[in-house]
PDB file of all heavy atoms in Angstrom:
ATOM      1  N   GLN A   1      30.214 127.105 181.706  1.00  0.00           N
ATOM      2  CA  GLN A   1      30.561 128.355 182.414  1.00  0.00           C
ATOM      3  C   GLN A   1      30.140 128.322 183.747  1.00  0.00           C
ATOM      4  O   GLN A   1      30.598 128.800 184.775  1.00  0.00           O
ATOM      5  CB  GLN A   1      30.287 129.531 181.527  1.00  0.00           C
ATOM      6  CG  GLN A   1      31.087 129.678 180.224  1.00  0.00           C
ATOM      7  CD  GLN A   1      32.565 129.640 180.435  1.00  0.00           C
ATOM      8  OE1 GLN A   1      33.119 130.165 181.336  1.00  0.00           O
ATOM      9  NE2 GLN A   1      33.244 128.791 179.577  1.00  0.00           N
ATOM     10  N   LYS A   2      28.744 128.049 183.942  1.00  0.00           N
ATOM     11  CA  LYS A   2      28.159 128.039 185.084  1.00  0.00           C
ATOM     12  C   LYS A   2      28.784 127.064 186.113  1.00  0.00           C
ATOM     13  O   LYS A   2      28.933 127.443 187.271  1.00  0.00           O
ATOM     14  CB  LYS A   2      26.597 127.836 185.042  1.00  0.00           C
ATOM     15  CG  LYS A   2      25.744 128.961 184.390  1.00  0.00           C
ATOM     16  CD  LYS A   2      24.270 128.585 184.362  1.00  0.00           C
ATOM     17  CE  LYS A   2      23.504 129.744 183.843  1.00  0.00           C
ATOM     18  NZ  LYS A   2      22.025 129.462 183.675  1.00  0.00           N
ATOM     19  N   ALA A   3      29.010 125.954 185.599  1.00  0.00           N
ATOM     20  CA  ALA A   3      29.647 124.915 186.508  1.00  0.00           C
ATOM     21  C   ALA A   3      31.007 125.204 186.866  1.00  0.00           C
ATOM     22  O   ALA A   3      31.411 125.107 188.120  1.00  0.00           O
ATOM     23  CB  ALA A   3      29.667 123.549 185.684  1.00  0.00           C
ATOM     24  N   MET A   4      31.859 125.933 186.036  1.00  0.00           N
ATOM     25  CA  MET A   4      33.198 126.314 186.297  1.00  0.00           C
ATOM     26  C   MET A   4      33.188 127.367 187.394  1.00  0.00           C
ATOM     27  O   MET A   4      34.126 127.522 188.193  1.00  0.00           O
ATOM     28  CB  MET A   4      33.883 126.791 185.218  1.00  0.00           C
ATOM     29  CG  MET A   4      34.291 125.695 184.150  1.00  0.00           C
ATOM     30  SD  MET A   4      35.316 126.208 182.799  1.00  0.00           S
ATOM     31  CE  MET A   4      36.827 126.607 183.744  1.00  0.00           C
ATOM     32  N   THR A   5      32.241 128.255 187.443  1.00  0.00           N
ATOM     33  CA  THR A   5      32.213 129.512 188.414  1.00  0.00           C
ATOM     34  C   THR A   5      31.185 129.320 189.459  1.00  0.00           C
ATOM     35  O   THR A   5      31.149 130.259 190.376  1.00  0.00           O
ATOM     36  CB  THR A   5      31.836 130.668 187.649  1.00  0.00           C
ATOM     37  OG1 THR A   5      30.542 130.556 186.954  1.00  0.00           O
ATOM     38  CG2 THR A   5      32.956 130.877 186.525  1.00  0.00           C
ATOM     39  N   ASN A   6      30.420 128.262 189.540  1.00  0.00           N
ATOM     40  CA  ASN A   6      29.426 128.132 190.597  1.00  0.00           C
ATOM     41  C   ASN A   6      30.075 127.971 192.030  1.00  0.00           C
ATOM     42  O   ASN A   6      30.885 126.904 192.189  1.00  0.00           O
ATOM     43  CB  ASN A   6      28.584 126.839 190.203  1.00  0.00           C
ATOM     44  CG  ASN A   6      27.375 126.718 191.172  1.00  0.00           C
ATOM     45  OD1 ASN A   6      27.527 126.158 192.305  1.00  0.00           O
ATOM     46  ND2 ASN A   6      26.224 127.219 190.956  1.00  0.00           N
ATOM     47  N   PRO A   7      29.699 128.830 192.900  1.00  0.00           N
ATOM     48  CA  PRO A   7      30.433 128.704 194.262  1.00  0.00           C
ATOM     49  C   PRO A   7      30.135 127.416 195.099  1.00  0.00           C
ATOM     50  O   PRO A   7      30.950 126.945 195.768  1.00  0.00           O
ATOM     51  CB  PRO A   7      29.867 129.981 194.928  1.00  0.00           C
ATOM     52  CG  PRO A   7      28.629 130.322 194.243  1.00  0.00           C
ATOM     53  CD  PRO A   7      28.853 129.896 192.800  1.00  0.00           C
ATOM     54  N   ARG A   8      28.926 126.882 194.892  1.00  0.00           N
ATOM     55  CA  ARG A   8      28.686 125.680 195.669  1.00  0.00           C
ATOM     56  C   ARG A   8      29.428 124.422 195.012  1.00  0.00           C
ATOM     57  O   ARG A   8      29.846 123.656 195.810  1.00  0.00           O
ATOM     58  CB  ARG A   8      27.070 125.420 195.391  1.00  0.00           C
ATOM     59  CG  ARG A   8      26.160 126.552 195.993  1.00  0.00           C
ATOM     60  CD  ARG A   8      26.286 126.470 197.513  1.00  0.00           C
ATOM     61  NE  ARG A   8      25.292 127.449 198.036  1.00  0.00           N
ATOM     62  CZ  ARG A   8      25.042 127.637 199.347  1.00  0.00           C
ATOM     63  NH1 ARG A   8      25.544 126.844 200.202  1.00  0.00           N
ATOM     64  NH2 ARG A   8      24.169 128.536 199.672  1.00  0.00           N
ATOM     65  N   MET A   9      29.466 124.306 193.716  1.00  0.00           N
ATOM     66  CA  MET A   9      30.295 123.329 193.263  1.00  0.00           C
ATOM     67  C   MET A   9      31.779 123.366 193.636  1.00  0.00           C
ATOM     68  O   MET A   9      32.392 122.456 193.925  1.00  0.00           O
ATOM     69  CB  MET A   9      30.073 123.240 191.534  1.00  0.00           C
ATOM     70  CG  MET A   9      30.961 122.128 191.012  1.00  0.00           C
ATOM     71  SD  MET A   9      30.742 122.051 189.163  1.00  0.00           S
ATOM     72  CE  MET A   9      29.397 121.041 189.125  1.00  0.00           C
ATOM     73  N   GLN A  10      32.240 124.621 193.494  1.00  0.00           N
ATOM     74  CA  GLN A  10      33.642 124.825 193.894  1.00  0.00           C
ATOM     75  C   GLN A  10      33.891 124.523 195.409  1.00  0.00           C
ATOM     76  O   GLN A  10      34.928 123.937 195.687  1.00  0.00           O
ATOM     77  CB  GLN A  10      33.926 126.284 193.633  1.00  0.00           C
ATOM     78  CG  GLN A  10      34.002 126.818 192.104  1.00  0.00           C
ATOM     79  CD  GLN A  10      34.963 125.991 191.369  1.00  0.00           C
ATOM     80  OE1 GLN A  10      36.065 125.732 191.933  1.00  0.00           O
ATOM     81  NE2 GLN A  10      34.773 125.699 190.182  1.00  0.00           N
ATOM     82  N   ALA A  11      32.851 124.743 196.170  1.00  0.00           N
ATOM     83  CA  ALA A  11      32.983 124.337 197.655  1.00  0.00           C
ATOM     84  C   ALA A  11      33.077 122.760 197.821  1.00  0.00           C
ATOM     85  O   ALA A  11      33.977 122.356 198.482  1.00  0.00           O
ATOM     86  CB  ALA A  11      31.781 124.930 198.351  1.00  0.00           C
ATOM     87  N   ILE A  12      32.302 122.081 196.987  1.00  0.00           N
ATOM     88  CA  ILE A  12      32.334 120.693 196.998  1.00  0.00           C
ATOM     89  C   ILE A  12      33.744 120.098 196.670  1.00  0.00           C
ATOM     90  O   ILE A  12      34.307 119.342 197.212  1.00  0.00           O
ATOM     91  CB  ILE A  12      31.303 120.056 196.206  1.00  0.00           C
ATOM     92  CG1 ILE A  12      29.945 120.381 196.874  1.00  0.00           C
ATOM     93  CG2 ILE A  12      31.284 118.437 196.167  1.00  0.00           C
ATOM     94  CD1 ILE A  12      29.683 119.992 198.346  1.00  0.00           C
ATOM     95  N   ILE A  13      34.142 120.737 195.555  1.00  0.00           N
ATOM     96  CA  ILE A  13      35.506 120.319 194.962  1.00  0.00           C
ATOM     97  C   ILE A  13      36.568 120.495 195.955  1.00  0.00           C
ATOM     98  O   ILE A  13      37.335 119.734 196.250  1.00  0.00           O
ATOM     99  CB  ILE A  13      35.789 120.991 193.635  1.00  0.00           C
ATOM    100  CG1 ILE A  13      34.854 120.539 192.639  1.00  0.00           C
ATOM    101  CG2 ILE A  13      37.242 120.822 193.283  1.00  0.00           C
ATOM    102  CD1 ILE A  13      34.934 121.224 191.314  1.00  0.00           C
ATOM    103  N   ARG A  14      36.475 121.635 196.607  1.00  0.00           N
ATOM    104  CA  ARG A  14      37.597 122.015 197.657  1.00  0.00           C
ATOM    105  C   ARG A  14      37.554 121.061 198.825  1.00  0.00           C
ATOM    106  O   ARG A  14      38.511 120.684 199.309  1.00  0.00           O
ATOM    107  CB  ARG A  14      37.367 123.531 198.093  1.00  0.00           C
ATOM    108  CG  ARG A  14      37.829 124.515 197.119  1.00  0.00           C
ATOM    109  CD  ARG A  14      37.923 125.883 197.714  1.00  0.00           C
ATOM    110  NE  ARG A  14      36.654 126.437 198.307  1.00  0.00           N
ATOM    111  CZ  ARG A  14      35.719 127.132 197.631  1.00  0.00           C
ATOM    112  NH1 ARG A  14      35.961 127.412 196.375  1.00  0.00           N
ATOM    113  NH2 ARG A  14      34.722 127.448 198.199  1.00  0.00           N
ATOM    114  N   GLN A  15      36.269 120.719 199.270  1.00  0.00           N
ATOM    115  CA  GLN A  15      36.158 119.964 200.457  1.00  0.00           C
ATOM    116  C   GLN A  15      36.535 118.477 200.169  1.00  0.00           C
ATOM    117  O   GLN A  15      37.085 117.782 201.094  1.00  0.00           O
ATOM    118  CB  GLN A  15      34.776 119.924 200.891  1.00  0.00           C
ATOM    119  CG  GLN A  15      34.220 121.397 201.543  1.00  0.00           C
ATOM    120  CD  GLN A  15      32.803 121.475 201.729  1.00  0.00           C
ATOM    121  OE1 GLN A  15      32.051 120.419 201.737  1.00  0.00           O
ATOM    122  NE2 GLN A  15      32.355 122.687 201.967  1.00  0.00           N
ATOM    123  N   ASN A  16      36.214 117.912 198.827  1.00  0.00           N
ATOM    124  CA  ASN A  16      36.303 116.451 198.720  1.00  0.00           C
ATOM    125  C   ASN A  16      37.582 116.099 197.778  1.00  0.00           C
ATOM    126  O   ASN A  16      37.900 114.900 197.610  1.00  0.00           O
ATOM    127  CB  ASN A  16      35.114 115.938 198.115  1.00  0.00           C
ATOM    128  CG  ASN A  16      33.870 116.075 199.088  1.00  0.00           C
ATOM    129  OD1 ASN A  16      33.823 115.327 200.067  1.00  0.00           O
ATOM    130  ND2 ASN A  16      33.044 117.117 198.817  1.00  0.00           N
ATOM    131  N   VAL A  17      38.170 117.097 197.230  1.00  0.00           N
ATOM    132  CA  VAL A  17      39.386 116.936 196.453  1.00  0.00           C
ATOM    133  C   VAL A  17      40.576 117.536 197.017  1.00  0.00           C
ATOM    134  O   VAL A  17      41.554 116.883 197.458  1.00  0.00           O
ATOM    135  CB  VAL A  17      39.102 117.391 194.801  1.00  0.00           C
ATOM    136  CG1 VAL A  17      40.291 117.005 193.971  1.00  0.00           C
ATOM    137  CG2 VAL A  17      37.922 116.612 194.381  1.00  0.00           C
ATOM    138  N   HIS A  18      40.490 118.881 196.908  1.00  0.00           N
ATOM    139  CA  HIS A  18      41.678 119.674 197.534  1.00  0.00           C
ATOM    140  C   HIS A  18      41.234 121.049 197.765  1.00  0.00           C
ATOM    141  O   HIS A  18      40.488 121.666 196.880  1.00  0.00           O
ATOM    142  CB  HIS A  18      43.014 119.620 196.580  1.00  0.00           C
ATOM    143  CG  HIS A  18      44.136 120.281 197.004  1.00  0.00           C
ATOM    144  ND1 HIS A  18      44.249 121.619 197.271  1.00  0.00           N
ATOM    145  CD2 HIS A  18      45.296 119.579 197.709  1.00  0.00           C
ATOM    146  CE1 HIS A  18      45.503 121.800 197.817  1.00  0.00           C
ATOM    147  NE2 HIS A  18      46.073 120.613 198.048  1.00  0.00           N
ATOM    148  N   PRO A  19      41.606 121.830 198.854  1.00  0.00           N
ATOM    149  CA  PRO A  19      41.172 123.178 198.955  1.00  0.00           C
ATOM    150  C   PRO A  19      41.414 124.103 197.861  1.00  0.00           C
ATOM    151  O   PRO A  19      40.721 125.144 197.595  1.00  0.00           O
ATOM    152  CB  PRO A  19      41.897 123.574 200.275  1.00  0.00           C
ATOM    153  CG  PRO A  19      42.203 122.214 201.007  1.00  0.00           C
ATOM    154  CD  PRO A  19      42.403 121.320 199.871  1.00  0.00           C
ATOM    155  N   ASP A  20      42.393 123.778 197.086  1.00  0.00           N
ATOM    156  CA  ASP A  20      42.750 124.782 196.030  1.00  0.00           C
ATOM    157  C   ASP A  20      42.573 124.095 194.682  1.00  0.00           C
ATOM    158  O   ASP A  20      43.285 124.446 193.702  1.00  0.00           O
ATOM    159  CB  ASP A  20      44.268 125.154 196.060  1.00  0.00           C
ATOM    160  CG  ASP A  20      44.588 126.005 197.382  1.00  0.00           C
ATOM    161  OD1 ASP A  20      43.698 126.798 197.636  1.00  0.00           O
ATOM    162  OD2 ASP A  20      45.610 125.711 198.045  1.00  0.00           O
ATOM    163  N   ALA A  21      41.822 123.076 194.532  1.00  0.00           N
ATOM    164  CA  ALA A  21      41.588 122.375 193.304  1.00  0.00           C
ATOM    165  C   ALA A  21      40.679 123.127 192.323  1.00  0.00           C
ATOM    166  O   ALA A  21      39.781 123.887 192.807  1.00  0.00           O
ATOM    167  CB  ALA A  21      40.835 120.950 193.458  1.00  0.00           C
ATOM    168  N   THR A  22      40.938 123.114 191.091  1.00  0.00           N
ATOM    169  CA  THR A  22      40.189 123.912 190.016  1.00  0.00           C
ATOM    170  C   THR A  22      40.037 123.007 188.851  1.00  0.00           C
ATOM    171  O   THR A  22      40.721 122.138 188.509  1.00  0.00           O
ATOM    172  CB  THR A  22      40.933 125.253 189.610  1.00  0.00           C
ATOM    173  OG1 THR A  22      42.220 124.884 189.166  1.00  0.00           O
ATOM    174  CG2 THR A  22      41.050 126.219 190.777  1.00  0.00           C
ATOM    175  N   ILE A  23      38.960 123.316 188.035  1.00  0.00           N
ATOM    176  CA  ILE A  23      38.742 122.695 186.792  1.00  0.00           C
ATOM    177  C   ILE A  23      39.775 123.153 185.801  1.00  0.00           C
ATOM    178  O   ILE A  23      40.062 124.282 185.620  1.00  0.00           O
ATOM    179  CB  ILE A  23      37.286 122.968 186.234  1.00  0.00           C
ATOM    180  CG1 ILE A  23      36.296 122.412 187.263  1.00  0.00           C
ATOM    181  CG2 ILE A  23      37.066 122.215 184.828  1.00  0.00           C
ATOM    182  CD1 ILE A  23      34.766 122.803 187.028  1.00  0.00           C
ATOM    183  N   VAL A  24      40.340 122.251 185.051  1.00  0.00           N
ATOM    184  CA  VAL A  24      41.403 122.587 183.959  1.00  0.00           C
ATOM    185  C   VAL A  24      40.697 123.409 183.011  1.00  0.00           C
ATOM    186  O   VAL A  24      39.496 123.170 182.346  1.00  0.00           O
ATOM    187  CB  VAL A  24      41.899 121.304 183.355  1.00  0.00           C
ATOM    188  CG1 VAL A  24      42.762 121.583 182.222  1.00  0.00           C
ATOM    189  CG2 VAL A  24      42.746 120.489 184.431  1.00  0.00           C
ATOM    190  N   SER A  25      41.361 124.602 182.626  1.00  0.00           N
ATOM    191  CA  SER A  25      40.775 125.612 181.784  1.00  0.00           C
ATOM    192  C   SER A  25      41.799 125.804 180.659  1.00  0.00           C
ATOM    193  O   SER A  25      42.853 125.200 180.582  1.00  0.00           O
ATOM    194  CB  SER A  25      40.431 126.870 182.449  1.00  0.00           C
ATOM    195  OG  SER A  25      41.742 127.450 182.880  1.00  0.00           O
ATOM    196  N   VAL A  26      41.487 126.654 179.703  1.00  0.00           N
ATOM    197  CA  VAL A  26      42.375 126.853 178.453  1.00  0.00           C
ATOM    198  C   VAL A  26      43.629 127.506 179.006  1.00  0.00           C
ATOM    199  O   VAL A  26      44.667 127.204 178.339  1.00  0.00           O
ATOM    200  CB  VAL A  26      41.606 127.701 177.596  1.00  0.00           C
ATOM    201  CG1 VAL A  26      40.518 126.989 176.882  1.00  0.00           C
ATOM    202  CG2 VAL A  26      41.152 129.015 178.084  1.00  0.00           C
ATOM    203  N   GLU A  27      43.618 128.166 180.022  1.00  0.00           N
ATOM    204  CA  GLU A  27      44.832 128.739 180.605  1.00  0.00           C
ATOM    205  C   GLU A  27      45.886 127.763 181.068  1.00  0.00           C
ATOM    206  O   GLU A  27      47.019 128.009 181.192  1.00  0.00           O
ATOM    207  CB  GLU A  27      44.653 129.758 181.609  1.00  0.00           C
ATOM    208  CG  GLU A  27      43.858 131.004 181.237  1.00  0.00           C
ATOM    209  CD  GLU A  27      42.386 130.869 180.992  1.00  0.00           C
ATOM    210  OE1 GLU A  27      41.842 129.826 181.494  1.00  0.00           O
ATOM    211  OE2 GLU A  27      41.795 131.738 180.445  1.00  0.00           O
ATOM    212  N   ASN A  28      45.355 126.598 181.465  1.00  0.00           N
ATOM    213  CA  ASN A  28      46.264 125.460 182.113  1.00  0.00           C
ATOM    214  C   ASN A  28      46.817 124.521 180.917  1.00  0.00           C
ATOM    215  O   ASN A  28      47.675 123.738 181.296  1.00  0.00           O
ATOM    216  CB  ASN A  28      45.418 124.689 183.032  1.00  0.00           C
ATOM    217  CG  ASN A  28      44.748 125.252 183.928  1.00  0.00           C
ATOM    218  OD1 ASN A  28      43.516 125.078 184.289  1.00  0.00           O
ATOM    219  ND2 ASN A  28      45.445 126.381 184.520  1.00  0.00           N
ATOM    220  N   VAL A  29      46.454 124.654 179.668  1.00  0.00           N
ATOM    221  CA  VAL A  29      46.968 123.709 178.687  1.00  0.00           C
ATOM    222  C   VAL A  29      47.832 124.331 177.675  1.00  0.00           C
ATOM    223  O   VAL A  29      48.023 125.647 177.720  1.00  0.00           O
ATOM    224  CB  VAL A  29      45.862 123.145 177.824  1.00  0.00           C
ATOM    225  CG1 VAL A  29      44.774 122.233 178.718  1.00  0.00           C
ATOM    226  CG2 VAL A  29      44.948 124.185 177.200  1.00  0.00           C
ATOM    227  N   ASN A  30      48.671 123.631 176.928  1.00  0.00           N
ATOM    228  CA  ASN A  30      49.758 124.085 176.215  1.00  0.00           C
ATOM    229  C   ASN A  30      49.082 124.894 174.999  1.00  0.00           C
ATOM    230  O   ASN A  30      47.879 124.859 174.629  1.00  0.00           O
ATOM    231  CB  ASN A  30      50.671 123.010 175.706  1.00  0.00           C
ATOM    232  CG  ASN A  30      49.986 121.898 174.745  1.00  0.00           C
ATOM    233  OD1 ASN A  30      49.081 122.349 173.919  1.00  0.00           O
ATOM    234  ND2 ASN A  30      50.362 120.736 174.791  1.00  0.00           N
TER     235      ASN A  30
END
């Protein structure tokens, strides 16, 4: 939960993967 919501990690993901990239969560799966 900390990793999914950590603003610093989210910043690295946005900068190096995609600005709107997110970790796949239960809401994203069937």
